[in-house]
Amino acid sequence: MHISATEFEIPCACDVRVDEHSLAVELEDGRGISVPLDWYPRLAHATAEERGRWRLIGGGMGIHWEDIDEDISVEGLLLGRPSGESQASFSRWMDGRQTNRGQQV
């Protein structure tokens, strides 16, 4: 059996939009990717302001949200990979958010 390898060049992101339902990423090659926000629990639980404070990293190979410590790669989006964060890690993050909000009151 002969299997040929196909090279796959990953385009860079050039714009990001996040609303209460989805994450939409515009790519330099003109395509767009939209995925359910539920794929990324930290984004789903972030405020609109936190979701809006993103920056491109790695020359557009990924997106970073400093406020919620979230990184998402363009490759992962193209491959249809939701967050790989464990439930235990997410629970610790949520507990930390609740503690921090309690201190701000």
PDB file of N, CA and C in Angstrom:
ATOM      1  N   MET A   1       0.838  -1.164   0.000  1.00  0.00           N
ATOM      2  CA  MET A   1       0.000   0.000   0.000  1.00  0.00           C
ATOM      3  C   MET A   1       0.890   1.237   0.000  1.00  0.00           C
ATOM      4  N   HIS A   2       0.513   2.193  -0.827  1.00  0.00           N
ATOM      5  CA  HIS A   2       1.277   3.438  -0.936  1.00  0.00           C
ATOM      6  C   HIS A   2       0.466   4.582  -0.344  1.00  0.00           C
ATOM      7  N   ILE A   3       1.081   5.300   0.564  1.00  0.00           N
ATOM      8  CA  ILE A   3       0.427   6.461   1.161  1.00  0.00           C
ATOM      9  C   ILE A   3       1.284   7.679   0.866  1.00  0.00           C
ATOM     10  N   SER A   4       0.684   8.675   0.262  1.00  0.00           N
ATOM     11  CA  SER A   4       1.446   9.890  -0.017  1.00  0.00           C
ATOM     12  C   SER A   4       1.117  10.940   1.021  1.00  0.00           C
ATOM     13  N   ALA A   5       2.122  11.650   1.417  1.00  0.00           N
ATOM     14  CA  ALA A   5       1.933  12.717   2.397  1.00  0.00           C
ATOM     15  C   ALA A   5       1.494  13.983   1.675  1.00  0.00           C
ATOM     16  N   THR A   6       0.524  14.639   2.222  1.00  0.00           N
ATOM     17  CA  THR A   6       0.061  15.899   1.672  1.00  0.00           C
ATOM     18  C   THR A   6       0.536  17.012   2.585  1.00  0.00           C
ATOM     19  N   GLU A   7       1.213  17.966   1.988  1.00  0.00           N
ATOM     20  CA  GLU A   7       1.662  19.093   2.794  1.00  0.00           C
ATOM     21  C   GLU A   7       0.495  20.039   2.989  1.00  0.00           C
ATOM     22  N   PHE A   8       0.412  20.562   4.179  1.00  0.00           N
ATOM     23  CA  PHE A   8      -0.688  21.427   4.544  1.00  0.00           C
ATOM     24  C   PHE A   8      -0.095  22.683   5.161  1.00  0.00           C
ATOM     25  N   GLU A   9      -0.254  23.800   4.493  1.00  0.00           N
ATOM     26  CA  GLU A   9       0.246  25.062   5.025  1.00  0.00           C
ATOM     27  C   GLU A   9      -0.867  25.736   5.819  1.00  0.00           C
ATOM     28  N   ILE A  10      -0.561  26.075   7.032  1.00  0.00           N
ATOM     29  CA  ILE A  10      -1.556  26.684   7.916  1.00  0.00           C
ATOM     30  C   ILE A  10      -1.530  28.193   7.724  1.00  0.00           C
ATOM     31  N   PRO A  11      -2.655  28.768   7.321  1.00  0.00           N
ATOM     32  CA  PRO A  11      -2.703  30.231   7.164  1.00  0.00           C
ATOM     33  C   PRO A  11      -2.729  30.916   8.524  1.00  0.00           C
ATOM     34  N   CYS A  12      -2.344  32.154   8.531  1.00  0.00           N
ATOM     35  CA  CYS A  12      -2.341  32.937   9.767  1.00  0.00           C
ATOM     36  C   CYS A  12      -3.684  33.632   9.962  1.00  0.00           C
ATOM     37  N   ALA A  13      -4.025  33.864  11.206  1.00  0.00           N
ATOM     38  CA  ALA A  13      -5.209  34.642  11.540  1.00  0.00           C
ATOM     39  C   ALA A  13      -4.906  36.118  11.339  1.00  0.00           C
ATOM     40  N   CYS A  14      -5.919  36.871  10.943  1.00  0.00           N
ATOM     41  CA  CYS A  14      -5.726  38.314  10.821  1.00  0.00           C
ATOM     42  C   CYS A  14      -6.798  39.109  11.573  1.00  0.00           C
ATOM     43  N   ASP A  15      -7.880  38.444  11.981  1.00  0.00           N
ATOM     44  CA  ASP A  15      -8.902  39.124  12.769  1.00  0.00           C
ATOM     45  C   ASP A  15      -9.678  38.089  13.573  1.00  0.00           C
ATOM     46  N   VAL A  16     -10.233  38.532  14.688  1.00  0.00           N
ATOM     47  CA  VAL A  16     -10.969  37.649  15.599  1.00  0.00           C
ATOM     48  C   VAL A  16     -12.226  38.371  16.067  1.00  0.00           C
ATOM     49  N   ARG A  17     -13.314  37.632  16.119  1.00  0.00           N
ATOM     50  CA  ARG A  17     -14.558  38.155  16.688  1.00  0.00           C
ATOM     51  C   ARG A  17     -15.112  37.096  17.631  1.00  0.00           C
ATOM     52  N   VAL A  18     -15.523  37.539  18.794  1.00  0.00           N
ATOM     53  CA  VAL A  18     -16.107  36.628  19.777  1.00  0.00           C
ATOM     54  C   VAL A  18     -17.402  37.247  20.282  1.00  0.00           C
ATOM     55  N   ASP A  19     -18.470  36.463  20.234  1.00  0.00           N
ATOM     56  CA  ASP A  19     -19.713  36.916  20.853  1.00  0.00           C
ATOM     57  C   ASP A  19     -20.154  35.857  21.855  1.00  0.00           C
ATOM     58  N   GLU A  20     -21.363  35.957  22.360  1.00  0.00           N
ATOM     59  CA  GLU A  20     -21.800  35.027  23.402  1.00  0.00           C
ATOM     60  C   GLU A  20     -22.040  33.615  22.900  1.00  0.00           C
ATOM     61  N   HIS A  21     -21.983  33.409  21.577  1.00  0.00           N
ATOM     62  CA  HIS A  21     -22.255  32.088  21.013  1.00  0.00           C
ATOM     63  C   HIS A  21     -21.102  31.467  20.229  1.00  0.00           C
ATOM     64  N   SER A  22     -20.225  32.294  19.655  1.00  0.00           N
ATOM     65  CA  SER A  22     -19.210  31.728  18.766  1.00  0.00           C
ATOM     66  C   SER A  22     -17.906  32.516  18.761  1.00  0.00           C
ATOM     67  N   LEU A  23     -16.877  31.814  18.308  1.00  0.00           N
ATOM     68  CA  LEU A  23     -15.558  32.380  18.041  1.00  0.00           C
ATOM     69  C   LEU A  23     -15.384  32.334  16.535  1.00  0.00           C
ATOM     70  N   ALA A  24     -15.143  33.481  15.924  1.00  0.00           N
ATOM     71  CA  ALA A  24     -14.947  33.554  14.474  1.00  0.00           C
ATOM     72  C   ALA A  24     -13.566  34.132  14.199  1.00  0.00           C
ATOM     73  N   VAL A  25     -12.804  33.435  13.360  1.00  0.00           N
ATOM     74  CA  VAL A  25     -11.441  33.853  13.040  1.00  0.00           C
ATOM     75  C   VAL A  25     -11.327  34.012  11.534  1.00  0.00           C
ATOM     76  N   GLU A  26     -10.863  35.189  11.115  1.00  0.00           N
ATOM     77  CA  GLU A  26     -10.617  35.455   9.703  1.00  0.00           C
ATOM     78  C   GLU A  26      -9.154  35.120   9.418  1.00  0.00           C
ATOM     79  N   LEU A  27      -8.927  34.390   8.328  1.00  0.00           N
ATOM     80  CA  LEU A  27      -7.582  33.982   7.958  1.00  0.00           C
ATOM     81  C   LEU A  27      -7.054  34.845   6.820  1.00  0.00           C
ATOM     82  N   GLU A  28      -5.721  34.927   6.739  1.00  0.00           N
ATOM     83  CA  GLU A  28      -5.082  35.751   5.708  1.00  0.00           C
ATOM     84  C   GLU A  28      -5.427  35.308   4.295  1.00  0.00           C
ATOM     85  N   ASP A  29      -5.765  34.036   4.121  1.00  0.00           N
ATOM     86  CA  ASP A  29      -6.075  33.537   2.775  1.00  0.00           C
ATOM     87  C   ASP A  29      -7.530  33.789   2.369  1.00  0.00           C
ATOM     88  N   GLY A  30      -8.273  34.519   3.202  1.00  0.00           N
ATOM     89  CA  GLY A  30      -9.642  34.875   2.870  1.00  0.00           C
ATOM     90  C   GLY A  30     -10.700  33.970   3.472  1.00  0.00           C
ATOM     91  N   ARG A  31     -10.290  32.843   4.015  1.00  0.00           N
ATOM     92  CA  ARG A  31     -11.262  31.955   4.660  1.00  0.00           C
ATOM     93  C   ARG A  31     -11.590  32.458   6.056  1.00  0.00           C
ATOM     94  N   GLY A  32     -12.688  31.946   6.561  1.00  0.00           N
ATOM     95  CA  GLY A  32     -13.073  32.228   7.929  1.00  0.00           C
ATOM     96  C   GLY A  32     -13.453  30.930   8.623  1.00  0.00           C
ATOM     97  N   ILE A  33     -13.212  30.873   9.912  1.00  0.00           N
ATOM     98  CA  ILE A  33     -13.558  29.706  10.722  1.00  0.00           C
ATOM     99  C   ILE A  33     -14.465  30.211  11.837  1.00  0.00           C
ATOM    100  N   SER A  34     -15.547  29.513  12.076  1.00  0.00           N
ATOM    101  CA  SER A  34     -16.423  29.845  13.179  1.00  0.00           C
ATOM    102  C   SER A  34     -16.719  28.570  13.949  1.00  0.00           C
ATOM    103  N   VAL A  35     -16.534  28.624  15.260  1.00  0.00           N
ATOM    104  CA  VAL A  35     -16.781  27.460  16.111  1.00  0.00           C
ATOM    105  C   VAL A  35     -17.636  27.885  17.301  1.00  0.00           C
ATOM    106  N   PRO A  36     -18.368  26.937  17.888  1.00  0.00           N
ATOM    107  CA  PRO A  36     -19.182  27.271  19.060  1.00  0.00           C
ATOM    108  C   PRO A  36     -18.305  27.700  20.236  1.00  0.00           C
ATOM    109  N   LEU A  37     -18.731  28.701  20.943  1.00  0.00           N
ATOM    110  CA  LEU A  37     -17.972  29.185  22.089  1.00  0.00           C
ATOM    111  C   LEU A  37     -17.870  28.113  23.175  1.00  0.00           C
ATOM    112  N   ASP A  38     -18.836  27.213  23.212  1.00  0.00           N
ATOM    113  CA  ASP A  38     -18.807  26.130  24.199  1.00  0.00           C
ATOM    114  C   ASP A  38     -17.577  25.239  24.058  1.00  0.00           C
ATOM    115  N   TRP A  39     -16.921  25.277  22.913  1.00  0.00           N
ATOM    116  CA  TRP A  39     -15.689  24.499  22.738  1.00  0.00           C
ATOM    117  C   TRP A  39     -14.583  24.999  23.658  1.00  0.00           C
ATOM    118  N   TYR A  40     -14.673  26.236  24.094  1.00  0.00           N
ATOM    119  CA  TYR A  40     -13.626  26.866  24.907  1.00  0.00           C
ATOM    120  C   TYR A  40     -14.270  27.437  26.164  1.00  0.00           C
ATOM    121  N   PRO A  41     -14.365  26.627  27.226  1.00  0.00           N
ATOM    122  CA  PRO A  41     -15.079  27.040  28.439  1.00  0.00           C
ATOM    123  C   PRO A  41     -14.594  28.359  29.049  1.00  0.00           C
ATOM    124  N   ARG A  42     -13.301  28.621  28.986  1.00  0.00           N
ATOM    125  CA  ARG A  42     -12.826  29.889  29.560  1.00  0.00           C
ATOM    126  C   ARG A  42     -13.403  31.074  28.798  1.00  0.00           C
ATOM    127  N   LEU A  43     -13.452  30.970  27.475  1.00  0.00           N
ATOM    128  CA  LEU A  43     -14.062  32.043  26.690  1.00  0.00           C
ATOM    129  C   LEU A  43     -15.558  32.134  26.960  1.00  0.00           C
ATOM    130  N   ALA A  44     -16.203  30.989  27.082  1.00  0.00           N
ATOM    131  CA  ALA A  44     -17.645  30.957  27.326  1.00  0.00           C
ATOM    132  C   ALA A  44     -17.997  31.608  28.664  1.00  0.00           C
ATOM    133  N   HIS A  45     -17.119  31.500  29.648  1.00  0.00           N
ATOM    134  CA  HIS A  45     -17.369  32.067  30.980  1.00  0.00           C
ATOM    135  C   HIS A  45     -16.744  33.445  31.177  1.00  0.00           C
ATOM    136  N   ALA A  46     -16.062  33.944  30.169  1.00  0.00           N
ATOM    137  CA  ALA A  46     -15.447  35.270  30.256  1.00  0.00           C
ATOM    138  C   ALA A  46     -16.503  36.350  30.022  1.00  0.00           C
ATOM    139  N   THR A  47     -16.195  37.533  30.482  1.00  0.00           N
ATOM    140  CA  THR A  47     -17.074  38.666  30.201  1.00  0.00           C
ATOM    141  C   THR A  47     -16.857  39.104  28.744  1.00  0.00           C
ATOM    142  N   ALA A  48     -17.775  39.882  28.233  1.00  0.00           N
ATOM    143  CA  ALA A  48     -17.629  40.410  26.873  1.00  0.00           C
ATOM    144  C   ALA A  48     -16.340  41.229  26.753  1.00  0.00           C
ATOM    145  N   GLU A  49     -16.018  41.974  27.795  1.00  0.00           N
ATOM    146  CA  GLU A  49     -14.789  42.777  27.782  1.00  0.00           C
ATOM    147  C   GLU A  49     -13.551  41.885  27.725  1.00  0.00           C
ATOM    148  N   GLU A  50     -13.546  40.818  28.519  1.00  0.00           N
ATOM    149  CA  GLU A  50     -12.406  39.894  28.510  1.00  0.00           C
ATOM    150  C   GLU A  50     -12.276  39.213  27.148  1.00  0.00           C
ATOM    151  N   ARG A  51     -13.385  38.806  26.565  1.00  0.00           N
ATOM    152  CA  ARG A  51     -13.342  38.158  25.239  1.00  0.00           C
ATOM    153  C   ARG A  51     -12.835  39.112  24.173  1.00  0.00           C
ATOM    154  N   GLY A  52     -13.089  40.396  24.361  1.00  0.00           N
ATOM    155  CA  GLY A  52     -12.661  41.387  23.378  1.00  0.00           C
ATOM    156  C   GLY A  52     -11.202  41.773  23.459  1.00  0.00           C
ATOM    157  N   ARG A  53     -10.525  41.393  24.538  1.00  0.00           N
ATOM    158  CA  ARG A  53      -9.105  41.743  24.706  1.00  0.00           C
ATOM    159  C   ARG A  53      -8.226  40.566  24.304  1.00  0.00           C
ATOM    160  N   TRP A  54      -8.060  40.387  23.020  1.00  0.00           N
ATOM    161  CA  TRP A  54      -7.246  39.306  22.473  1.00  0.00           C
ATOM    162  C   TRP A  54      -6.083  39.922  21.704  1.00  0.00           C
ATOM    163  N   ARG A  55      -5.083  39.094  21.437  1.00  0.00           N
ATOM    164  CA  ARG A  55      -3.979  39.509  20.557  1.00  0.00           C
ATOM    165  C   ARG A  55      -3.510  38.282  19.785  1.00  0.00           C
ATOM    166  N   LEU A  56      -3.021  38.531  18.583  1.00  0.00           N
ATOM    167  CA  LEU A  56      -2.458  37.451  17.778  1.00  0.00           C
ATOM    168  C   LEU A  56      -1.062  37.139  18.298  1.00  0.00           C
ATOM    169  N   ILE A  57      -0.717  35.869  18.326  1.00  0.00           N
ATOM    170  CA  ILE A  57       0.615  35.447  18.765  1.00  0.00           C
ATOM    171  C   ILE A  57       1.236  34.582  17.674  1.00  0.00           C
ATOM    172  N   GLY A  58       2.559  34.473  17.706  1.00  0.00           N
ATOM    173  CA  GLY A  58       3.260  33.644  16.724  1.00  0.00           C
ATOM    174  C   GLY A  58       3.035  34.105  15.304  1.00  0.00           C
ATOM    175  N   GLY A  59       2.942  35.415  15.107  1.00  0.00           N
ATOM    176  CA  GLY A  59       2.741  35.923  13.755  1.00  0.00           C
ATOM    177  C   GLY A  59       1.368  35.585  13.184  1.00  0.00           C
ATOM    178  N   GLY A  60       0.402  35.326  14.059  1.00  0.00           N
ATOM    179  CA  GLY A  60      -0.947  34.998  13.611  1.00  0.00           C
ATOM    180  C   GLY A  60      -1.246  33.512  13.640  1.00  0.00           C
ATOM    181  N   MET A  61      -0.330  32.721  14.184  1.00  0.00           N
ATOM    182  CA  MET A  61      -0.560  31.273  14.274  1.00  0.00           C
ATOM    183  C   MET A  61      -1.466  30.914  15.449  1.00  0.00           C
ATOM    184  N   GLY A  62      -1.714  31.890  16.322  1.00  0.00           N
ATOM    185  CA  GLY A  62      -2.577  31.641  17.469  1.00  0.00           C
ATOM    186  C   GLY A  62      -3.164  32.927  17.998  1.00  0.00           C
ATOM    187  N   ILE A  63      -4.070  32.766  18.946  1.00  0.00           N
ATOM    188  CA  ILE A  63      -4.748  33.892  19.581  1.00  0.00           C
ATOM    189  C   ILE A  63      -4.590  33.727  21.087  1.00  0.00           C
ATOM    190  N   HIS A  64      -4.314  34.840  21.765  1.00  0.00           N
ATOM    191  CA  HIS A  64      -4.106  34.806  23.214  1.00  0.00           C
ATOM    192  C   HIS A  64      -5.028  35.807  23.894  1.00  0.00           C
ATOM    193  N   TRP A  65      -5.639  35.361  24.990  1.00  0.00           N
ATOM    194  CA  TRP A  65      -6.452  36.211  25.857  1.00  0.00           C
ATOM    195  C   TRP A  65      -5.756  36.254  27.209  1.00  0.00           C
ATOM    196  N   GLU A  66      -5.073  37.344  27.477  1.00  0.00           N
ATOM    197  CA  GLU A  66      -4.298  37.506  28.718  1.00  0.00           C
ATOM    198  C   GLU A  66      -5.193  37.410  29.954  1.00  0.00           C
ATOM    199  N   ASP A  67      -6.338  38.076  29.927  1.00  0.00           N
ATOM    200  CA  ASP A  67      -7.217  38.146  31.096  1.00  0.00           C
ATOM    201  C   ASP A  67      -7.685  36.782  31.583  1.00  0.00           C
ATOM    202  N   ILE A  68      -7.834  35.840  30.670  1.00  0.00           N
ATOM    203  CA  ILE A  68      -8.363  34.524  31.056  1.00  0.00           C
ATOM    204  C   ILE A  68      -7.351  33.404  30.827  1.00  0.00           C
ATOM    205  N   ASP A  69      -6.114  33.771  30.461  1.00  0.00           N
ATOM    206  CA  ASP A  69      -5.032  32.812  30.254  1.00  0.00           C
ATOM    207  C   ASP A  69      -5.448  31.715  29.262  1.00  0.00           C
ATOM    208  N   GLU A  70      -5.921  32.141  28.099  1.00  0.00           N
ATOM    209  CA  GLU A  70      -6.377  31.210  27.058  1.00  0.00           C
ATOM    210  C   GLU A  70      -5.578  31.425  25.787  1.00  0.00           C
ATOM    211  N   ASP A  71      -5.130  30.335  25.188  1.00  0.00           N
ATOM    212  CA  ASP A  71      -4.451  30.351  23.903  1.00  0.00           C
ATOM    213  C   ASP A  71      -5.149  29.357  22.985  1.00  0.00           C
ATOM    214  N   ILE A  72      -5.424  29.779  21.765  1.00  0.00           N
ATOM    215  CA  ILE A  72      -6.047  28.900  20.768  1.00  0.00           C
ATOM    216  C   ILE A  72      -5.250  29.020  19.483  1.00  0.00           C
ATOM    217  N   SER A  73      -4.875  27.879  18.918  1.00  0.00           N
ATOM    218  CA  SER A  73      -4.095  27.893  17.683  1.00  0.00           C
ATOM    219  C   SER A  73      -5.002  27.824  16.461  1.00  0.00           C
ATOM    220  N   VAL A  74      -4.553  28.425  15.379  1.00  0.00           N
ATOM    221  CA  VAL A  74      -5.267  28.336  14.107  1.00  0.00           C
ATOM    222  C   VAL A  74      -5.304  26.874  13.663  1.00  0.00           C
ATOM    223  N   GLU A  75      -4.213  26.166  13.842  1.00  0.00           N
ATOM    224  CA  GLU A  75      -4.173  24.751  13.470  1.00  0.00           C
ATOM    225  C   GLU A  75      -5.264  23.963  14.194  1.00  0.00           C
ATOM    226  N   GLY A  76      -5.407  24.183  15.490  1.00  0.00           N
ATOM    227  CA  GLY A  76      -6.441  23.496  16.259  1.00  0.00           C
ATOM    228  C   GLY A  76      -7.834  23.814  15.748  1.00  0.00           C
ATOM    229  N   LEU A  77      -8.054  25.080  15.403  1.00  0.00           N
ATOM    230  CA  LEU A  77      -9.353  25.465  14.845  1.00  0.00           C
ATOM    231  C   LEU A  77      -9.615  24.754  13.524  1.00  0.00           C
ATOM    232  N   LEU A  78      -8.610  24.745  12.642  1.00  0.00           N
ATOM    233  CA  LEU A  78      -8.774  24.100  11.339  1.00  0.00           C
ATOM    234  C   LEU A  78      -9.017  22.596  11.467  1.00  0.00           C
ATOM    235  N   LEU A  79      -8.431  21.992  12.487  1.00  0.00           N
ATOM    236  CA  LEU A  79      -8.605  20.551  12.699  1.00  0.00           C
ATOM    237  C   LEU A  79      -9.858  20.230  13.518  1.00  0.00           C
ATOM    238  N   GLY A  80     -10.573  21.260  13.957  1.00  0.00           N
ATOM    239  CA  GLY A  80     -11.801  21.043  14.710  1.00  0.00           C
ATOM    240  C   GLY A  80     -11.587  20.557  16.122  1.00  0.00           C
ATOM    241  N   ARG A  81     -10.480  20.995  16.740  1.00  0.00           N
ATOM    242  CA  ARG A  81     -10.158  20.576  18.107  1.00  0.00           C
ATOM    243  C   ARG A  81     -10.721  21.542  19.140  1.00  0.00           C
ATOM    244  N   PRO A  82     -11.632  21.092  19.983  1.00  0.00           N
ATOM    245  CA  PRO A  82     -12.067  21.946  21.093  1.00  0.00           C
ATOM    246  C   PRO A  82     -10.983  21.984  22.176  1.00  0.00           C
ATOM    247  N   SER A  83     -11.220  22.742  23.210  1.00  0.00           N
ATOM    248  CA  SER A  83     -10.265  22.861  24.312  1.00  0.00           C
ATOM    249  C   SER A  83      -9.903  21.492  24.865  1.00  0.00           C
ATOM    250  N   GLY A  84      -8.642  21.320  25.178  1.00  0.00           N
ATOM    251  CA  GLY A  84      -8.185  20.077  25.793  1.00  0.00           C
ATOM    252  C   GLY A  84      -8.011  20.206  27.292  1.00  0.00           C
ATOM    253  N   GLU A  85      -8.489  21.306  27.861  1.00  0.00           N
ATOM    254  CA  GLU A  85      -8.326  21.537  29.293  1.00  0.00           C
ATOM    255  C   GLU A  85      -9.142  20.527  30.093  1.00  0.00           C
ATOM    256  N   SER A  86      -8.535  19.992  31.135  1.00  0.00           N
ATOM    257  CA  SER A  86      -9.235  19.025  31.981  1.00  0.00           C
ATOM    258  C   SER A  86     -10.296  19.732  32.826  1.00  0.00           C
ATOM    259  N   GLN A  87     -11.260  18.971  33.260  1.00  0.00           N
ATOM    260  CA  GLN A  87     -12.310  19.528  34.120  1.00  0.00           C
ATOM    261  C   GLN A  87     -11.720  20.025  35.433  1.00  0.00           C
ATOM    262  N   ALA A  88     -10.725  19.326  35.960  1.00  0.00           N
ATOM    263  CA  ALA A  88     -10.092  19.751  37.213  1.00  0.00           C
ATOM    264  C   ALA A  88      -9.408  21.109  37.041  1.00  0.00           C
ATOM    265  N   SER A  89      -8.686  21.285  35.940  1.00  0.00           N
ATOM    266  CA  SER A  89      -8.014  22.551  35.676  1.00  0.00           C
ATOM    267  C   SER A  89      -9.028  23.679  35.503  1.00  0.00           C
ATOM    268  N   PHE A  90     -10.086  23.405  34.761  1.00  0.00           N
ATOM    269  CA  PHE A  90     -11.114  24.420  34.547  1.00  0.00           C
ATOM    270  C   PHE A  90     -11.791  24.792  35.876  1.00  0.00           C
ATOM    271  N   SER A  91     -12.061  23.806  36.714  1.00  0.00           N
ATOM    272  CA  SER A  91     -12.683  24.068  38.019  1.00  0.00           C
ATOM    273  C   SER A  91     -11.793  24.947  38.884  1.00  0.00           C
ATOM    274  N   ARG A  92     -10.479  24.686  38.877  1.00  0.00           N
ATOM    275  CA  ARG A  92      -9.538  25.534  39.638  1.00  0.00           C
ATOM    276  C   ARG A  92      -9.569  26.962  39.109  1.00  0.00           C
ATOM    277  N   TRP A  93      -9.616  27.104  37.787  1.00  0.00           N
ATOM    278  CA  TRP A  93      -9.667  28.431  37.173  1.00  0.00           C
ATOM    279  C   TRP A  93     -10.942  29.158  37.593  1.00  0.00           C
ATOM    280  N   MET A  94     -12.069  28.463  37.544  1.00  0.00           N
ATOM    281  CA  MET A  94     -13.342  29.073  37.943  1.00  0.00           C
ATOM    282  C   MET A  94     -13.319  29.467  39.422  1.00  0.00           C
ATOM    283  N   ASP A  95     -12.769  28.607  40.269  1.00  0.00           N
ATOM    284  CA  ASP A  95     -12.660  28.925  41.698  1.00  0.00           C
ATOM    285  C   ASP A  95     -11.817  30.180  41.901  1.00  0.00           C
ATOM    286  N   GLY A  96     -10.727  30.294  41.159  1.00  0.00           N
ATOM    287  CA  GLY A  96      -9.867  31.474  41.247  1.00  0.00           C
ATOM    288  C   GLY A  96     -10.578  32.738  40.813  1.00  0.00           C
ATOM    289  N   ARG A  97     -11.407  32.644  39.802  1.00  0.00           N
ATOM    290  CA  ARG A  97     -12.179  33.811  39.343  1.00  0.00           C
ATOM    291  C   ARG A  97     -13.165  34.253  40.417  1.00  0.00           C
ATOM    292  N   GLN A  98     -13.823  33.300  41.038  1.00  0.00           N
ATOM    293  CA  GLN A  98     -14.803  33.639  42.071  1.00  0.00           C
ATOM    294  C   GLN A  98     -14.116  34.261  43.279  1.00  0.00           C
ATOM    295  N   THR A  99     -12.950  33.737  43.638  1.00  0.00           N
ATOM    296  CA  THR A  99     -12.187  34.305  44.757  1.00  0.00           C
ATOM    297  C   THR A  99     -11.752  35.719  44.436  1.00  0.00           C
ATOM    298  N   ASN A 100     -11.224  35.939  43.234  1.00  0.00           N
ATOM    299  CA  ASN A 100     -10.763  37.275  42.834  1.00  0.00           C
ATOM    300  C   ASN A 100     -11.916  38.266  42.784  1.00  0.00           C
ATOM    301  N   ARG A 101     -13.069  37.831  42.300  1.00  0.00           N
ATOM    302  CA  ARG A 101     -14.231  38.734  42.254  1.00  0.00           C
ATOM    303  C   ARG A 101     -14.699  39.074  43.660  1.00  0.00           C
ATOM    304  N   GLY A 102     -14.610  38.116  44.582  1.00  0.00           N
ATOM    305  CA  GLY A 102     -14.990  38.363  45.969  1.00  0.00           C
ATOM    306  C   GLY A 102     -14.096  39.404  46.616  1.00  0.00           C
ATOM    307  N   GLN A 103     -12.817  39.416  46.249  1.00  0.00           N
ATOM    308  CA  GLN A 103     -11.877  40.371  46.815  1.00  0.00           C
ATOM    309  C   GLN A 103     -12.078  41.765  46.247  1.00  0.00           C
ATOM    310  N   GLN A 104     -12.644  41.861  45.027  1.00  0.00           N
ATOM    311  CA  GLN A 104     -12.834  43.154  44.394  1.00  0.00           C
ATOM    312  C   GLN A 104     -14.071  43.873  44.900  1.00  0.00           C
ATOM    313  N   VAL A 105     -14.971  43.143  45.544  1.00  0.00           N
ATOM    314  CA  VAL A 105     -16.231  43.744  46.008  1.00  0.00           C
ATOM    315  C   VAL A 105     -16.010  44.621  47.203  1.00  0.00           C
TER     316      VAL A 105
END
